[in-house]
Amino acid sequence: MRCLKAKAYREYKKEYKRFKRGYSKERVINMNI
C-alpha cells in the first residue's frame, strides 16, 4: 500500500510541475470539465 501511494504521489508531483511550468488552455478546459 505504501509503495503504491508513494508512486502515485510522485506521478502527481511530476504532472503538477509540468502543469505549473506551462499549462495549455486545452488542459485547463479538460480539468474544468
PDB file of N, CA and C in Angstrom:
ATOM      1  N   MET A   1       0.837  -1.204   0.000  1.00  0.00           N
ATOM      2  CA  MET A   1       0.000   0.000   0.000  1.00  0.00           C
ATOM      3  C   MET A   1       0.873   1.255   0.000  1.00  0.00           C
ATOM      4  N   ARG A   2       1.875   1.265   0.852  1.00  0.00           N
ATOM      5  CA  ARG A   2       2.735   2.441   0.959  1.00  0.00           C
ATOM      6  C   ARG A   2       3.462   2.714  -0.350  1.00  0.00           C
ATOM      7  N   CYS A   3       4.002   1.665  -0.945  1.00  0.00           N
ATOM      8  CA  CYS A   3       4.756   1.820  -2.189  1.00  0.00           C
ATOM      9  C   CYS A   3       3.859   2.398  -3.276  1.00  0.00           C
ATOM     10  N   LEU A   4       2.646   1.866  -3.346  1.00  0.00           N
ATOM     11  CA  LEU A   4       1.702   2.320  -4.357  1.00  0.00           C
ATOM     12  C   LEU A   4       1.390   3.803  -4.160  1.00  0.00           C
ATOM     13  N   LYS A   5       1.177   4.175  -2.907  1.00  0.00           N
ATOM     14  CA  LYS A   5       0.859   5.562  -2.588  1.00  0.00           C
ATOM     15  C   LYS A   5       2.010   6.474  -2.994  1.00  0.00           C
ATOM     16  N   ALA A   6       3.224   6.060  -2.668  1.00  0.00           N
ATOM     17  CA  ALA A   6       4.409   6.862  -2.979  1.00  0.00           C
ATOM     18  C   ALA A   6       4.532   7.061  -4.483  1.00  0.00           C
ATOM     19  N   LYS A   7       4.303   5.990  -5.222  1.00  0.00           N
ATOM     20  CA  LYS A   7       4.411   6.066  -6.679  1.00  0.00           C
ATOM     21  C   LYS A   7       3.371   7.035  -7.235  1.00  0.00           C
ATOM     22  N   ALA A   8       2.160   6.912  -6.743  1.00  0.00           N
ATOM     23  CA  ALA A   8       1.079   7.780  -7.207  1.00  0.00           C
ATOM     24  C   ALA A   8       1.410   9.238  -6.904  1.00  0.00           C
ATOM     25  N   TYR A   9       1.960   9.479  -5.721  1.00  0.00           N
ATOM     26  CA  TYR A   9       2.305  10.842  -5.316  1.00  0.00           C
ATOM     27  C   TYR A   9       3.385  11.418  -6.217  1.00  0.00           C
ATOM     28  N   ARG A  10       4.381  10.573  -6.550  1.00  0.00           N
ATOM     29  CA  ARG A  10       5.469  11.018  -7.410  1.00  0.00           C
ATOM     30  C   ARG A  10       4.913  11.391  -8.793  1.00  0.00           C
ATOM     31  N   GLU A  11       4.013  10.571  -9.294  1.00  0.00           N
ATOM     32  CA  GLU A  11       3.402  10.839 -10.602  1.00  0.00           C
ATOM     33  C   GLU A  11       2.644  12.160 -10.544  1.00  0.00           C
ATOM     34  N   TYR A  12       1.918  12.364  -9.455  1.00  0.00           N
ATOM     35  CA  TYR A  12       1.123  13.576  -9.281  1.00  0.00           C
ATOM     36  C   TYR A  12       2.012  14.810  -9.252  1.00  0.00           C
ATOM     37  N   LYS A  13       3.129  14.706  -8.534  1.00  0.00           N
ATOM     38  CA  LYS A  13       4.059  15.830  -8.433  1.00  0.00           C
ATOM     39  C   LYS A  13       4.622  16.189  -9.799  1.00  0.00           C
ATOM     40  N   LYS A  14       4.957  15.148 -10.573  1.00  0.00           N
ATOM     41  CA  LYS A  14       5.514  15.359 -11.908  1.00  0.00           C
ATOM     42  C   LYS A  14       4.494  16.112 -12.776  1.00  0.00           C
ATOM     43  N   GLU A  15       3.265  15.652 -12.734  1.00  0.00           N
ATOM     44  CA  GLU A  15       2.203  16.277 -13.523  1.00  0.00           C
ATOM     45  C   GLU A  15       2.005  17.717 -13.075  1.00  0.00           C
ATOM     46  N   TYR A  16       2.014  17.934 -11.752  1.00  0.00           N
ATOM     47  CA  TYR A  16       1.780  19.259 -11.193  1.00  0.00           C
ATOM     48  C   TYR A  16       2.861  20.234 -11.633  1.00  0.00           C
ATOM     49  N   LYS A  17       4.111  19.774 -11.613  1.00  0.00           N
ATOM     50  CA  LYS A  17       5.231  20.621 -12.032  1.00  0.00           C
ATOM     51  C   LYS A  17       5.058  21.035 -13.483  1.00  0.00           C
ATOM     52  N   ARG A  18       4.731  20.057 -14.328  1.00  0.00           N
ATOM     53  CA  ARG A  18       4.550  20.332 -15.749  1.00  0.00           C
ATOM     54  C   ARG A  18       3.396  21.322 -15.936  1.00  0.00           C
ATOM     55  N   PHE A  19       2.352  21.143 -15.146  1.00  0.00           N
ATOM     56  CA  PHE A  19       1.166  21.989 -15.227  1.00  0.00           C
ATOM     57  C   PHE A  19       1.496  23.427 -14.833  1.00  0.00           C
ATOM     58  N   LYS A  20       2.270  23.585 -13.773  1.00  0.00           N
ATOM     59  CA  LYS A  20       2.618  24.918 -13.286  1.00  0.00           C
ATOM     60  C   LYS A  20       3.565  25.628 -14.233  1.00  0.00           C
ATOM     61  N   ARG A  21       4.499  24.872 -14.813  1.00  0.00           N
ATOM     62  CA  ARG A  21       5.519  25.471 -15.666  1.00  0.00           C
ATOM     63  C   ARG A  21       4.874  26.144 -16.877  1.00  0.00           C
ATOM     64  N   GLY A  22       4.099  25.385 -17.633  1.00  0.00           N
ATOM     65  CA  GLY A  22       3.475  25.977 -18.812  1.00  0.00           C
ATOM     66  C   GLY A  22       2.273  25.167 -19.230  1.00  0.00           C
ATOM     67  N   TYR A  23       1.146  25.442 -18.597  1.00  0.00           N
ATOM     68  CA  TYR A  23      -0.045  24.673 -18.914  1.00  0.00           C
ATOM     69  C   TYR A  23      -0.770  25.286 -20.116  1.00  0.00           C
ATOM     70  N   SER A  24      -1.321  24.411 -20.932  1.00  0.00           N
ATOM     71  CA  SER A  24      -2.045  24.872 -22.113  1.00  0.00           C
ATOM     72  C   SER A  24      -3.504  25.121 -21.750  1.00  0.00           C
ATOM     73  N   LYS A  25      -4.164  25.964 -22.523  1.00  0.00           N
ATOM     74  CA  LYS A  25      -5.568  26.275 -22.242  1.00  0.00           C
ATOM     75  C   LYS A  25      -6.426  25.026 -22.380  1.00  0.00           C
ATOM     76  N   GLU A  26      -6.065  24.168 -23.325  1.00  0.00           N
ATOM     77  CA  GLU A  26      -6.811  22.919 -23.516  1.00  0.00           C
ATOM     78  C   GLU A  26      -6.825  22.120 -22.225  1.00  0.00           C
ATOM     79  N   ARG A  27      -5.654  22.061 -21.599  1.00  0.00           N
ATOM     80  CA  ARG A  27      -5.500  21.277 -20.376  1.00  0.00           C
ATOM     81  C   ARG A  27      -6.428  21.831 -19.283  1.00  0.00           C
ATOM     82  N   VAL A  28      -6.440  23.133 -19.145  1.00  0.00           N
ATOM     83  CA  VAL A  28      -7.281  23.759 -18.118  1.00  0.00           C
ATOM     84  C   VAL A  28      -8.745  23.442 -18.382  1.00  0.00           C
ATOM     85  N   ILE A  29      -9.147  23.554 -19.641  1.00  0.00           N
ATOM     86  CA  ILE A  29     -10.535  23.264 -20.008  1.00  0.00           C
ATOM     87  C   ILE A  29     -10.872  21.822 -19.657  1.00  0.00           C
ATOM     88  N   ASN A  30      -9.966  20.905 -19.987  1.00  0.00           N
ATOM     89  CA  ASN A  30     -10.195  19.494 -19.686  1.00  0.00           C
ATOM     90  C   ASN A  30     -10.342  19.273 -18.188  1.00  0.00           C
ATOM     91  N   MET A  31      -9.570  19.991 -17.410  1.00  0.00           N
ATOM     92  CA  MET A  31      -9.614  19.826 -15.958  1.00  0.00           C
ATOM     93  C   MET A  31     -10.918  20.379 -15.398  1.00  0.00           C
ATOM     94  N   ASN A  32     -11.430  21.448 -16.013  1.00  0.00           N
ATOM     95  CA  ASN A  32     -12.657  22.074 -15.520  1.00  0.00           C
ATOM     96  C   ASN A  32     -13.897  21.234 -15.803  1.00  0.00           C
ATOM     97  N   ILE A  33     -13.840  20.405 -16.815  1.00  0.00           N
ATOM     98  CA  ILE A  33     -14.999  19.583 -17.180  1.00  0.00           C
ATOM     99  C   ILE A  33     -15.276  18.562 -16.077  1.00  0.00           C
TER     100      ILE A  33
END
